[in-house]
Amino acid sequence: MARRINIKFNFLNGMNIIGHKKLFLSFSLIITLLSIASIVAFGFHQGIDFKGGTLWQLRIAEGEPNFKEIDGFLKENLKNVGEIRLSYNQSENIFIARFGVASEAEHQEFLKAVLAKYPTANELSFESIGPSVGEKLRKNALVAIGLVLVGISLFIAFAFRKTSRPISSWKYGWVTLLTLFHDIIIPAGLLAYLGYLGKVEIDSNFVVALLVVMGFSVHDTIVIFDRIRENLLHSRGKTDFAEIINTSVNQTIARSINTSLTLILVLLALFFFGPITLKYFVLTLLVGVTTGAYSSIFVASPLLLIWQNLKKPA
């Protein structure tokens, strides 16, 4: 009969991560399924990077800008560009107009009309991307995320090639792949829901944020896996795998939490006090980093044990 491991919960001896693995994994599964449902139900509200269009930023310094007046002026004077959606960044006094693709000649006409009405207007940026370019960027973004996921998993499997007992090295790679998917699907689901509520758009910054999240998350996961590998080598098969995992996580949990918390505090400051143009980029990072810190501790390691137990005879 296999020896039953009972790791008691004690703040002095560490947390019983493995003993409560069903609770932690169930929570992650629920959030992941909700995120997938959000993406399937609402989709993504794509920005001009992916669907094509124009993003025009203006600062108008004439007293207190009247949003309705400027919105009406733009809709009246910007012809043949489709629907015009105007937003206003009050803290920086910036008007952000989004509309269809416009040529440089049309751009100059629009700017001339605005300056005639508001002489102190200052053009901050004018970006126009055609639909074909947006389609290519969208495909490249998906390919980039897919290649990073596969590349990281293969690297983990190779790095742990000398650790084949009690679980094969390639399974470390698969577990890493699952946790990375978990870490990016949750912020993606949140952005899909926010897009449904308030027309939040995803653009190339969103893809960059997901790639950063994967890099940060896999760093934490490797630290824990590496400690598991060291403890396996030291135990020489004399210690139960569940106990080794629990010990390894507790030996690295303070480092993981401190590292993640430092970044989270910086991201919170940027979210509340940073530029509004980066608000949802920072939000994606914030949710992804928090999710990654959780998954490295409470998801990745328990999954290793579950996978190892699957091969045991009943």
C-alpha atoms as a PDB file:
ATOM      1  CA  MET A   1       0.000   0.000   0.000  1.00  0.00           C
ATOM      2  CA  ALA A   2       1.380   3.382  -0.943  1.00  0.00           C
ATOM      3  CA  ARG A   3       2.408   5.576   1.946  1.00  0.00           C
ATOM      4  CA  ARG A   4      -0.142   8.328   2.640  1.00  0.00           C
ATOM      5  CA  ILE A   5       1.353  11.765   3.064  1.00  0.00           C
ATOM      6  CA  ASN A   6      -0.360  14.116   5.490  1.00  0.00           C
ATOM      7  CA  ILE A   7       1.248  17.558   5.364  1.00  0.00           C
ATOM      8  CA  LYS A   8      -0.181  19.595   8.201  1.00  0.00           C
ATOM      9  CA  PHE A   9      -0.882  23.242   7.699  1.00  0.00           C
ATOM     10  CA  ASN A  10       1.335  25.346   9.900  1.00  0.00           C
ATOM     11  CA  PHE A  11       2.516  28.874   9.313  1.00  0.00           C
ATOM     12  CA  LEU A  12       5.861  27.917  10.836  1.00  0.00           C
ATOM     13  CA  ASN A  13       6.326  24.907   8.575  1.00  0.00           C
ATOM     14  CA  GLY A  14       4.774  26.465   5.499  1.00  0.00           C
ATOM     15  CA  MET A  15       1.526  26.298   3.562  1.00  0.00           C
ATOM     16  CA  ASN A  16      -0.061  23.021   2.587  1.00  0.00           C
ATOM     17  CA  ILE A  17      -0.290  23.841  -1.121  1.00  0.00           C
ATOM     18  CA  ILE A  18      -0.573  20.230  -2.237  1.00  0.00           C
ATOM     19  CA  GLY A  19      -3.125  19.338   0.418  1.00  0.00           C
ATOM     20  CA  HIS A  20      -5.468  22.053  -0.888  1.00  0.00           C
ATOM     21  CA  LYS A  21      -4.680  21.579  -4.588  1.00  0.00           C
ATOM     22  CA  LYS A  22      -8.300  20.806  -5.521  1.00  0.00           C
ATOM     23  CA  LEU A  23      -9.440  24.157  -4.137  1.00  0.00           C
ATOM     24  CA  PHE A  24      -6.741  26.136  -5.951  1.00  0.00           C
ATOM     25  CA  LEU A  25      -7.174  24.282  -9.252  1.00  0.00           C
ATOM     26  CA  SER A  26     -10.978  24.536  -9.114  1.00  0.00           C
ATOM     27  CA  PHE A  27     -10.754  28.294  -8.656  1.00  0.00           C
ATOM     28  CA  SER A  28      -8.397  28.588 -11.651  1.00  0.00           C
ATOM     29  CA  LEU A  29     -10.620  26.354 -13.774  1.00  0.00           C
ATOM     30  CA  ILE A  30     -13.705  28.469 -13.052  1.00  0.00           C
ATOM     31  CA  ILE A  31     -11.939  31.746 -13.894  1.00  0.00           C
ATOM     32  CA  THR A  32     -10.428  30.231 -17.047  1.00  0.00           C
ATOM     33  CA  LEU A  33     -13.791  28.924 -18.272  1.00  0.00           C
ATOM     34  CA  LEU A  34     -15.424  32.300 -17.595  1.00  0.00           C
ATOM     35  CA  SER A  35     -12.659  34.018 -19.570  1.00  0.00           C
ATOM     36  CA  ILE A  36     -13.066  31.653 -22.519  1.00  0.00           C
ATOM     37  CA  ALA A  37     -16.843  32.175 -22.409  1.00  0.00           C
ATOM     38  CA  SER A  38     -16.301  35.946 -22.425  1.00  0.00           C
ATOM     39  CA  ILE A  39     -14.076  35.740 -25.507  1.00  0.00           C
ATOM     40  CA  VAL A  40     -16.481  33.420 -27.341  1.00  0.00           C
ATOM     41  CA  ALA A  41     -19.581  35.438 -26.422  1.00  0.00           C
ATOM     42  CA  PHE A  42     -18.263  38.981 -26.876  1.00  0.00           C
ATOM     43  CA  GLY A  43     -15.163  38.664 -29.055  1.00  0.00           C
ATOM     44  CA  PHE A  44     -12.628  41.485 -29.143  1.00  0.00           C
ATOM     45  CA  HIS A  45     -13.307  45.080 -30.081  1.00  0.00           C
ATOM     46  CA  GLN A  46     -10.321  45.518 -32.383  1.00  0.00           C
ATOM     47  CA  GLY A  47      -8.434  48.774 -32.717  1.00  0.00           C
ATOM     48  CA  ILE A  48      -7.073  50.269 -35.916  1.00  0.00           C
ATOM     49  CA  ASP A  49      -3.904  48.162 -35.609  1.00  0.00           C
ATOM     50  CA  PHE A  50      -5.920  45.053 -36.479  1.00  0.00           C
ATOM     51  CA  LYS A  51      -8.962  46.163 -38.451  1.00  0.00           C
ATOM     52  CA  GLY A  52      -7.604  49.273 -40.140  1.00  0.00           C
ATOM     53  CA  GLY A  53      -8.687  52.871 -39.657  1.00  0.00           C
ATOM     54  CA  THR A  54      -7.426  56.187 -38.338  1.00  0.00           C
ATOM     55  CA  LEU A  55      -6.504  57.426 -34.884  1.00  0.00           C
ATOM     56  CA  TRP A  56      -6.216  61.209 -34.594  1.00  0.00           C
ATOM     57  CA  GLN A  57      -5.150  62.972 -31.398  1.00  0.00           C
ATOM     58  CA  LEU A  58      -5.616  66.715 -30.912  1.00  0.00           C
ATOM     59  CA  ARG A  59      -5.096  69.118 -28.053  1.00  0.00           C
ATOM     60  CA  ILE A  60      -7.280  72.236 -28.101  1.00  0.00           C
ATOM     61  CA  ALA A  61      -6.217  74.932 -25.663  1.00  0.00           C
ATOM     62  CA  GLU A  62      -9.065  77.392 -26.145  1.00  0.00           C
ATOM     63  CA  GLY A  63     -10.565  77.645 -22.651  1.00  0.00           C
ATOM     64  CA  GLU A  64     -12.706  74.739 -21.542  1.00  0.00           C
ATOM     65  CA  PRO A  65     -13.290  72.525 -24.608  1.00  0.00           C
ATOM     66  CA  ASN A  66     -16.914  71.702 -25.358  1.00  0.00           C
ATOM     67  CA  PHE A  67     -17.018  67.994 -26.166  1.00  0.00           C
ATOM     68  CA  LYS A  68     -20.425  68.065 -27.886  1.00  0.00           C
ATOM     69  CA  GLU A  69     -19.450  71.053 -30.001  1.00  0.00           C
ATOM     70  CA  ILE A  70     -16.184  69.481 -31.187  1.00  0.00           C
ATOM     71  CA  ASP A  71     -17.849  66.112 -31.761  1.00  0.00           C
ATOM     72  CA  GLY A  72     -20.504  67.760 -33.937  1.00  0.00           C
ATOM     73  CA  PHE A  73     -17.891  69.811 -35.783  1.00  0.00           C
ATOM     74  CA  LEU A  74     -15.822  66.764 -36.674  1.00  0.00           C
ATOM     75  CA  LYS A  75     -18.838  64.752 -37.827  1.00  0.00           C
ATOM     76  CA  GLU A  76     -19.934  67.644 -40.019  1.00  0.00           C
ATOM     77  CA  ASN A  77     -16.530  68.356 -41.588  1.00  0.00           C
ATOM     78  CA  LEU A  78     -14.908  64.931 -41.857  1.00  0.00           C
ATOM     79  CA  LYS A  79     -16.559  63.400 -44.891  1.00  0.00           C
ATOM     80  CA  ASN A  80     -16.248  59.898 -46.369  1.00  0.00           C
ATOM     81  CA  VAL A  81     -14.485  58.393 -43.367  1.00  0.00           C
ATOM     82  CA  GLY A  82     -17.351  56.387 -41.918  1.00  0.00           C
ATOM     83  CA  GLU A  83     -18.456  56.569 -38.306  1.00  0.00           C
ATOM     84  CA  ILE A  84     -16.507  58.996 -36.128  1.00  0.00           C
ATOM     85  CA  ARG A  85     -16.056  58.153 -32.465  1.00  0.00           C
ATOM     86  CA  LEU A  86     -14.611  60.875 -30.258  1.00  0.00           C
ATOM     87  CA  SER A  87     -13.226  60.462 -26.737  1.00  0.00           C
ATOM     88  CA  TYR A  88     -11.718  63.014 -24.390  1.00  0.00           C
ATOM     89  CA  ASN A  89      -8.817  62.704 -21.961  1.00  0.00           C
ATOM     90  CA  GLN A  90      -9.672  65.419 -19.482  1.00  0.00           C
ATOM     91  CA  SER A  91      -6.455  65.177 -17.456  1.00  0.00           C
ATOM     92  CA  GLU A  92      -4.291  65.910 -20.512  1.00  0.00           C
ATOM     93  CA  ASN A  93      -6.875  67.878 -22.518  1.00  0.00           C
ATOM     94  CA  ILE A  94      -6.586  65.522 -25.501  1.00  0.00           C
ATOM     95  CA  PHE A  95      -9.339  64.695 -27.992  1.00  0.00           C
ATOM     96  CA  ILE A  96      -9.008  61.266 -29.601  1.00  0.00           C
ATOM     97  CA  ALA A  97     -10.958  60.687 -32.811  1.00  0.00           C
ATOM     98  CA  ARG A  98     -11.318  57.251 -34.409  1.00  0.00           C
ATOM     99  CA  PHE A  99     -12.713  56.789 -37.908  1.00  0.00           C
ATOM    100  CA  GLY A 100     -12.136  54.993 -41.197  1.00  0.00           C
ATOM    101  CA  VAL A 101      -9.043  54.991 -43.372  1.00  0.00           C
ATOM    102  CA  ALA A 102      -8.024  58.465 -44.588  1.00  0.00           C
ATOM    103  CA  SER A 103      -5.407  59.488 -47.137  1.00  0.00           C
ATOM    104  CA  GLU A 104      -2.742  62.100 -46.466  1.00  0.00           C
ATOM    105  CA  ALA A 105      -4.609  64.590 -48.673  1.00  0.00           C
ATOM    106  CA  GLU A 106      -7.754  64.087 -46.586  1.00  0.00           C
ATOM    107  CA  HIS A 107      -5.678  64.413 -43.439  1.00  0.00           C
ATOM    108  CA  GLN A 108      -4.434  67.837 -44.525  1.00  0.00           C
ATOM    109  CA  GLU A 109      -7.991  68.940 -45.355  1.00  0.00           C
ATOM    110  CA  PHE A 110      -9.230  67.816 -41.933  1.00  0.00           C
ATOM    111  CA  LEU A 111      -6.373  69.582 -40.165  1.00  0.00           C
ATOM    112  CA  LYS A 112      -6.996  72.795 -42.146  1.00  0.00           C
ATOM    113  CA  ALA A 113     -10.676  72.743 -41.158  1.00  0.00           C
ATOM    114  CA  VAL A 114      -9.866  72.198 -37.489  1.00  0.00           C
ATOM    115  CA  LEU A 115      -7.268  74.999 -37.412  1.00  0.00           C
ATOM    116  CA  ALA A 116      -9.713  77.361 -39.079  1.00  0.00           C
ATOM    117  CA  LYS A 117     -12.239  76.703 -36.317  1.00  0.00           C
ATOM    118  CA  TYR A 118      -9.758  76.316 -33.435  1.00  0.00           C
ATOM    119  CA  PRO A 119      -6.521  78.231 -34.234  1.00  0.00           C
ATOM    120  CA  THR A 120      -4.741  77.027 -31.090  1.00  0.00           C
ATOM    121  CA  ALA A 121      -5.372  73.349 -31.860  1.00  0.00           C
ATOM    122  CA  ASN A 122      -2.247  71.191 -31.755  1.00  0.00           C
ATOM    123  CA  GLU A 123      -2.079  67.895 -33.666  1.00  0.00           C
ATOM    124  CA  LEU A 124      -0.372  65.245 -31.526  1.00  0.00           C
ATOM    125  CA  SER A 125      -0.596  62.273 -33.868  1.00  0.00           C
ATOM    126  CA  PHE A 126      -2.364  61.003 -36.971  1.00  0.00           C
ATOM    127  CA  GLU A 127      -2.178  57.272 -37.685  1.00  0.00           C
ATOM    128  CA  SER A 128      -4.007  55.611 -40.557  1.00  0.00           C
ATOM    129  CA  ILE A 129      -3.704  51.881 -41.308  1.00  0.00           C
ATOM    130  CA  GLY A 130      -5.342  50.087 -44.229  1.00  0.00           C
ATOM    131  CA  PRO A 131      -7.475  46.943 -43.693  1.00  0.00           C
ATOM    132  CA  SER A 132      -4.936  44.650 -45.387  1.00  0.00           C
ATOM    133  CA  VAL A 133      -2.149  45.862 -43.115  1.00  0.00           C
ATOM    134  CA  GLY A 134      -4.385  45.403 -40.074  1.00  0.00           C
ATOM    135  CA  GLU A 135      -5.219  41.847 -41.155  1.00  0.00           C
ATOM    136  CA  LYS A 136      -1.527  41.038 -41.512  1.00  0.00           C
ATOM    137  CA  LEU A 137      -0.736  42.499 -38.093  1.00  0.00           C
ATOM    138  CA  ARG A 138      -3.509  40.438 -36.513  1.00  0.00           C
ATOM    139  CA  LYS A 139      -2.211  37.213 -38.042  1.00  0.00           C
ATOM    140  CA  ASN A 140       1.364  38.032 -37.047  1.00  0.00           C
ATOM    141  CA  ALA A 141       0.224  38.722 -33.487  1.00  0.00           C
ATOM    142  CA  LEU A 142      -1.458  35.317 -33.218  1.00  0.00           C
ATOM    143  CA  VAL A 143       1.581  33.604 -34.702  1.00  0.00           C
ATOM    144  CA  ALA A 144       3.884  35.432 -32.260  1.00  0.00           C
ATOM    145  CA  ILE A 145       1.848  34.349 -29.231  1.00  0.00           C
ATOM    146  CA  GLY A 146       1.663  30.756 -30.494  1.00  0.00           C
ATOM    147  CA  LEU A 147       5.402  30.550 -31.192  1.00  0.00           C
ATOM    148  CA  VAL A 148       6.267  31.970 -27.773  1.00  0.00           C
ATOM    149  CA  LEU A 149       4.006  29.434 -26.040  1.00  0.00           C
ATOM    150  CA  VAL A 150       5.491  26.502 -27.939  1.00  0.00           C
ATOM    151  CA  GLY A 151       9.062  27.824 -27.706  1.00  0.00           C
ATOM    152  CA  ILE A 152       8.926  28.287 -23.934  1.00  0.00           C
ATOM    153  CA  SER A 153       7.420  24.826 -23.431  1.00  0.00           C
ATOM    154  CA  LEU A 154      10.128  23.167 -25.564  1.00  0.00           C
ATOM    155  CA  PHE A 155      12.827  25.071 -23.705  1.00  0.00           C
ATOM    156  CA  ILE A 156      11.476  23.935 -20.321  1.00  0.00           C
ATOM    157  CA  ALA A 157      11.334  20.330 -21.519  1.00  0.00           C
ATOM    158  CA  PHE A 158      14.961  20.582 -22.716  1.00  0.00           C
ATOM    159  CA  ALA A 159      16.187  22.334 -19.564  1.00  0.00           C
ATOM    160  CA  PHE A 160      14.723  19.574 -17.368  1.00  0.00           C
ATOM    161  CA  ARG A 161      15.878  16.699 -19.582  1.00  0.00           C
ATOM    162  CA  LYS A 162      18.049  15.255 -16.784  1.00  0.00           C
ATOM    163  CA  THR A 163      15.056  15.106 -14.443  1.00  0.00           C
ATOM    164  CA  SER A 164      13.092  12.092 -15.649  1.00  0.00           C
ATOM    165  CA  ARG A 165      11.916  10.625 -12.331  1.00  0.00           C
ATOM    166  CA  PRO A 166       9.283  10.454 -11.062  1.00  0.00           C
ATOM    167  CA  ILE A 167       7.916  12.533 -13.946  1.00  0.00           C
ATOM    168  CA  SER A 168       9.274  12.946 -17.478  1.00  0.00           C
ATOM    169  CA  SER A 169      10.945  16.221 -18.415  1.00  0.00           C
ATOM    170  CA  TRP A 170       8.566  16.894 -21.309  1.00  0.00           C
ATOM    171  CA  LYS A 171       5.685  16.992 -18.818  1.00  0.00           C
ATOM    172  CA  TYR A 172       7.288  20.025 -17.191  1.00  0.00           C
ATOM    173  CA  GLY A 173       6.981  21.666 -20.594  1.00  0.00           C
ATOM    174  CA  TRP A 174       3.328  20.701 -20.961  1.00  0.00           C
ATOM    175  CA  VAL A 175       2.473  21.967 -17.493  1.00  0.00           C
ATOM    176  CA  THR A 176       4.242  25.241 -18.308  1.00  0.00           C
ATOM    177  CA  LEU A 177       2.206  25.524 -21.515  1.00  0.00           C
ATOM    178  CA  LEU A 178      -1.050  25.028 -19.598  1.00  0.00           C
ATOM    179  CA  THR A 179      -0.155  27.616 -16.965  1.00  0.00           C
ATOM    180  CA  LEU A 180       0.895  30.172 -19.605  1.00  0.00           C
ATOM    181  CA  PHE A 181      -2.403  29.661 -21.412  1.00  0.00           C
ATOM    182  CA  HIS A 182      -4.146  30.193 -18.065  1.00  0.00           C
ATOM    183  CA  ASP A 183      -2.169  33.408 -17.487  1.00  0.00           C
ATOM    184  CA  ILE A 184      -2.986  35.038 -20.827  1.00  0.00           C
ATOM    185  CA  ILE A 185      -6.567  33.845 -21.289  1.00  0.00           C
ATOM    186  CA  ILE A 186      -7.767  35.545 -18.087  1.00  0.00           C
ATOM    187  CA  PRO A 187      -6.675  39.115 -19.007  1.00  0.00           C
ATOM    188  CA  ALA A 188      -7.840  38.427 -22.566  1.00  0.00           C
ATOM    189  CA  GLY A 189     -11.285  37.458 -21.283  1.00  0.00           C
ATOM    190  CA  LEU A 190     -11.418  40.597 -19.149  1.00  0.00           C
ATOM    191  CA  LEU A 191     -10.557  42.821 -22.139  1.00  0.00           C
ATOM    192  CA  ALA A 192     -13.226  41.069 -24.222  1.00  0.00           C
ATOM    193  CA  TYR A 193     -15.824  41.826 -21.536  1.00  0.00           C
ATOM    194  CA  LEU A 194     -14.667  45.444 -21.173  1.00  0.00           C
ATOM    195  CA  GLY A 195     -14.847  45.803 -24.935  1.00  0.00           C
ATOM    196  CA  TYR A 196     -18.451  44.642 -24.786  1.00  0.00           C
ATOM    197  CA  LEU A 197     -19.278  47.123 -22.011  1.00  0.00           C
ATOM    198  CA  GLY A 198     -17.408  50.200 -23.087  1.00  0.00           C
ATOM    199  CA  LYS A 199     -15.919  49.597 -26.511  1.00  0.00           C
ATOM    200  CA  VAL A 200     -12.415  49.103 -25.148  1.00  0.00           C
ATOM    201  CA  GLU A 201     -10.221  48.334 -28.125  1.00  0.00           C
ATOM    202  CA  ILE A 202      -7.343  45.890 -28.316  1.00  0.00           C
ATOM    203  CA  ASP A 203      -4.299  46.791 -30.380  1.00  0.00           C
ATOM    204  CA  SER A 204      -0.632  45.867 -30.699  1.00  0.00           C
ATOM    205  CA  ASN A 205      -0.078  47.038 -27.112  1.00  0.00           C
ATOM    206  CA  PHE A 206      -2.423  44.266 -25.982  1.00  0.00           C
ATOM    207  CA  VAL A 207      -0.269  41.663 -27.733  1.00  0.00           C
ATOM    208  CA  VAL A 208       2.894  43.148 -26.229  1.00  0.00           C
ATOM    209  CA  ALA A 209       1.294  42.996 -22.779  1.00  0.00           C
ATOM    210  CA  LEU A 210       0.439  39.303 -23.211  1.00  0.00           C
ATOM    211  CA  LEU A 211       4.005  38.520 -24.289  1.00  0.00           C
ATOM    212  CA  VAL A 212       5.361  40.360 -21.237  1.00  0.00           C
ATOM    213  CA  VAL A 213       2.972  38.423 -18.995  1.00  0.00           C
ATOM    214  CA  MET A 214       4.208  35.123 -20.437  1.00  0.00           C
ATOM    215  CA  GLY A 215       7.830  36.091 -19.860  1.00  0.00           C
ATOM    216  CA  PHE A 216       7.216  37.130 -16.275  1.00  0.00           C
ATOM    217  CA  SER A 217       5.033  34.111 -15.497  1.00  0.00           C
ATOM    218  CA  VAL A 218       7.450  31.535 -16.882  1.00  0.00           C
ATOM    219  CA  HIS A 219      10.250  33.094 -14.831  1.00  0.00           C
ATOM    220  CA  ASP A 220       8.374  32.364 -11.591  1.00  0.00           C
ATOM    221  CA  THR A 221       7.431  28.878 -12.770  1.00  0.00           C
ATOM    222  CA  ILE A 222      11.036  28.004 -13.663  1.00  0.00           C
ATOM    223  CA  VAL A 223      12.230  29.096 -10.220  1.00  0.00           C
ATOM    224  CA  ILE A 224       9.801  26.705  -8.531  1.00  0.00           C
ATOM    225  CA  PHE A 225      10.438  23.848 -10.984  1.00  0.00           C
ATOM    226  CA  ASP A 226      14.179  24.271 -10.561  1.00  0.00           C
ATOM    227  CA  ARG A 227      13.845  23.966  -6.787  1.00  0.00           C
ATOM    228  CA  ILE A 228      11.737  20.812  -7.270  1.00  0.00           C
ATOM    229  CA  ARG A 229      14.501  19.407  -9.470  1.00  0.00           C
ATOM    230  CA  GLU A 230      17.168  20.175  -6.857  1.00  0.00           C
ATOM    231  CA  ASN A 231      15.155  18.579  -4.064  1.00  0.00           C
ATOM    232  CA  LEU A 232      14.491  15.497  -6.202  1.00  0.00           C
ATOM    233  CA  LEU A 233      18.215  15.044  -6.766  1.00  0.00           C
ATOM    234  CA  HIS A 234      18.957  15.493  -3.064  1.00  0.00           C
ATOM    235  CA  SER A 235      16.241  13.085  -1.909  1.00  0.00           C
ATOM    236  CA  ARG A 236      17.421  10.267  -4.232  1.00  0.00           C
ATOM    237  CA  GLY A 237      13.917   8.836  -4.317  1.00  0.00           C
ATOM    238  CA  LYS A 238      13.577   8.578  -0.536  1.00  0.00           C
ATOM    239  CA  THR A 239      10.982  11.338  -0.182  1.00  0.00           C
ATOM    240  CA  ASP A 240       7.434  11.319  -1.530  1.00  0.00           C
ATOM    241  CA  PHE A 241       6.950  13.505  -4.621  1.00  0.00           C
ATOM    242  CA  ALA A 242       4.041  15.395  -3.017  1.00  0.00           C
ATOM    243  CA  GLU A 243       6.184  16.319  -0.047  1.00  0.00           C
ATOM    244  CA  ILE A 244       9.028  17.453  -2.310  1.00  0.00           C
ATOM    245  CA  ILE A 245       6.690  19.695  -4.309  1.00  0.00           C
ATOM    246  CA  ASN A 246       5.165  21.219  -1.196  1.00  0.00           C
ATOM    247  CA  THR A 247       8.585  21.848   0.332  1.00  0.00           C
ATOM    248  CA  SER A 248       9.911  23.362  -2.897  1.00  0.00           C
ATOM    249  CA  VAL A 249       6.980  25.740  -3.249  1.00  0.00           C
ATOM    250  CA  ASN A 250       7.328  26.897   0.349  1.00  0.00           C
ATOM    251  CA  GLN A 251      11.050  27.464  -0.123  1.00  0.00           C
ATOM    252  CA  THR A 252      10.409  29.798  -3.057  1.00  0.00           C
ATOM    253  CA  ILE A 253       6.998  31.309  -2.254  1.00  0.00           C
ATOM    254  CA  ALA A 254       8.363  34.365  -0.423  1.00  0.00           C
ATOM    255  CA  ARG A 255      10.646  35.224  -3.326  1.00  0.00           C
ATOM    256  CA  SER A 256       7.843  34.798  -5.881  1.00  0.00           C
ATOM    257  CA  ILE A 257       5.364  36.912  -3.927  1.00  0.00           C
ATOM    258  CA  ASN A 258       7.876  39.680  -3.190  1.00  0.00           C
ATOM    259  CA  THR A 259       8.979  39.888  -6.820  1.00  0.00           C
ATOM    260  CA  SER A 260       5.419  39.935  -8.121  1.00  0.00           C
ATOM    261  CA  LEU A 261       4.192  42.378  -5.493  1.00  0.00           C
ATOM    262  CA  THR A 262       6.926  44.854  -6.377  1.00  0.00           C
ATOM    263  CA  LEU A 263       5.824  44.880 -10.006  1.00  0.00           C
ATOM    264  CA  ILE A 264       2.121  44.946  -9.090  1.00  0.00           C
ATOM    265  CA  LEU A 265       2.598  48.074  -6.967  1.00  0.00           C
ATOM    266  CA  VAL A 266       4.329  49.824  -9.871  1.00  0.00           C
ATOM    267  CA  LEU A 267       1.555  48.797 -12.254  1.00  0.00           C
ATOM    268  CA  LEU A 268      -1.120  50.032  -9.848  1.00  0.00           C
ATOM    269  CA  ALA A 269       0.575  53.432  -9.735  1.00  0.00           C
ATOM    270  CA  LEU A 270       0.717  53.531 -13.536  1.00  0.00           C
ATOM    271  CA  PHE A 271      -2.911  52.458 -13.834  1.00  0.00           C
ATOM    272  CA  PHE A 272      -4.259  55.192 -11.552  1.00  0.00           C
ATOM    273  CA  PHE A 273      -1.806  58.006 -12.286  1.00  0.00           C
ATOM    274  CA  GLY A 274      -0.262  57.133 -15.652  1.00  0.00           C
ATOM    275  CA  PRO A 275      -1.332  58.353 -19.125  1.00  0.00           C
ATOM    276  CA  ILE A 276      -4.822  57.331 -20.164  1.00  0.00           C
ATOM    277  CA  THR A 277      -3.538  56.048 -23.515  1.00  0.00           C
ATOM    278  CA  LEU A 278      -1.733  53.228 -21.666  1.00  0.00           C
ATOM    279  CA  LYS A 279      -4.524  52.494 -19.200  1.00  0.00           C
ATOM    280  CA  TYR A 280      -5.670  49.182 -20.680  1.00  0.00           C
ATOM    281  CA  PHE A 281      -2.143  48.126 -21.572  1.00  0.00           C
ATOM    282  CA  VAL A 282      -1.253  48.488 -17.895  1.00  0.00           C
ATOM    283  CA  LEU A 283      -4.494  46.765 -16.852  1.00  0.00           C
ATOM    284  CA  THR A 284      -3.628  43.753 -19.024  1.00  0.00           C
ATOM    285  CA  LEU A 285      -0.186  43.589 -17.424  1.00  0.00           C
ATOM    286  CA  LEU A 286      -1.626  44.010 -13.939  1.00  0.00           C
ATOM    287  CA  VAL A 287      -4.158  41.191 -14.291  1.00  0.00           C
ATOM    288  CA  GLY A 288      -1.698  38.952 -16.136  1.00  0.00           C
ATOM    289  CA  VAL A 289       1.129  39.402 -13.633  1.00  0.00           C
ATOM    290  CA  THR A 290      -1.217  38.746 -10.710  1.00  0.00           C
ATOM    291  CA  THR A 291      -2.600  35.658 -12.437  1.00  0.00           C
ATOM    292  CA  GLY A 292       0.913  34.499 -13.293  1.00  0.00           C
ATOM    293  CA  ALA A 293       2.069  34.809  -9.690  1.00  0.00           C
ATOM    294  CA  TYR A 294      -0.937  32.759  -8.568  1.00  0.00           C
ATOM    295  CA  SER A 295      -0.530  30.059 -11.228  1.00  0.00           C
ATOM    296  CA  SER A 296       3.194  29.576 -10.618  1.00  0.00           C
ATOM    297  CA  ILE A 297       2.510  28.736  -6.979  1.00  0.00           C
ATOM    298  CA  PHE A 298      -0.962  27.228  -6.886  1.00  0.00           C
ATOM    299  CA  VAL A 299      -1.451  25.738 -10.370  1.00  0.00           C
ATOM    300  CA  ALA A 300       1.810  24.630 -11.992  1.00  0.00           C
ATOM    301  CA  SER A 301       3.194  22.549  -9.123  1.00  0.00           C
ATOM    302  CA  PRO A 302      -0.082  20.760  -8.221  1.00  0.00           C
ATOM    303  CA  LEU A 303      -0.526  19.908 -11.901  1.00  0.00           C
ATOM    304  CA  LEU A 304       2.844  18.123 -11.846  1.00  0.00           C
ATOM    305  CA  LEU A 305       1.664  15.925  -8.985  1.00  0.00           C
ATOM    306  CA  ILE A 306      -1.701  15.188 -10.615  1.00  0.00           C
ATOM    307  CA  TRP A 307       0.011  14.190 -13.861  1.00  0.00           C
ATOM    308  CA  GLN A 308       2.454  11.977 -11.983  1.00  0.00           C
ATOM    309  CA  ASN A 309      -0.399  10.302 -10.081  1.00  0.00           C
ATOM    310  CA  LEU A 310      -2.279   9.515 -13.301  1.00  0.00           C
ATOM    311  CA  LYS A 311       0.286   6.921 -14.288  1.00  0.00           C
ATOM    312  CA  LYS A 312       0.076   5.090 -10.966  1.00  0.00           C
ATOM    313  CA  PRO A 313      -1.946   1.842 -10.957  1.00  0.00           C
ATOM    314  CA  ALA A 314      -5.231   2.003  -9.108  1.00  0.00           C
END
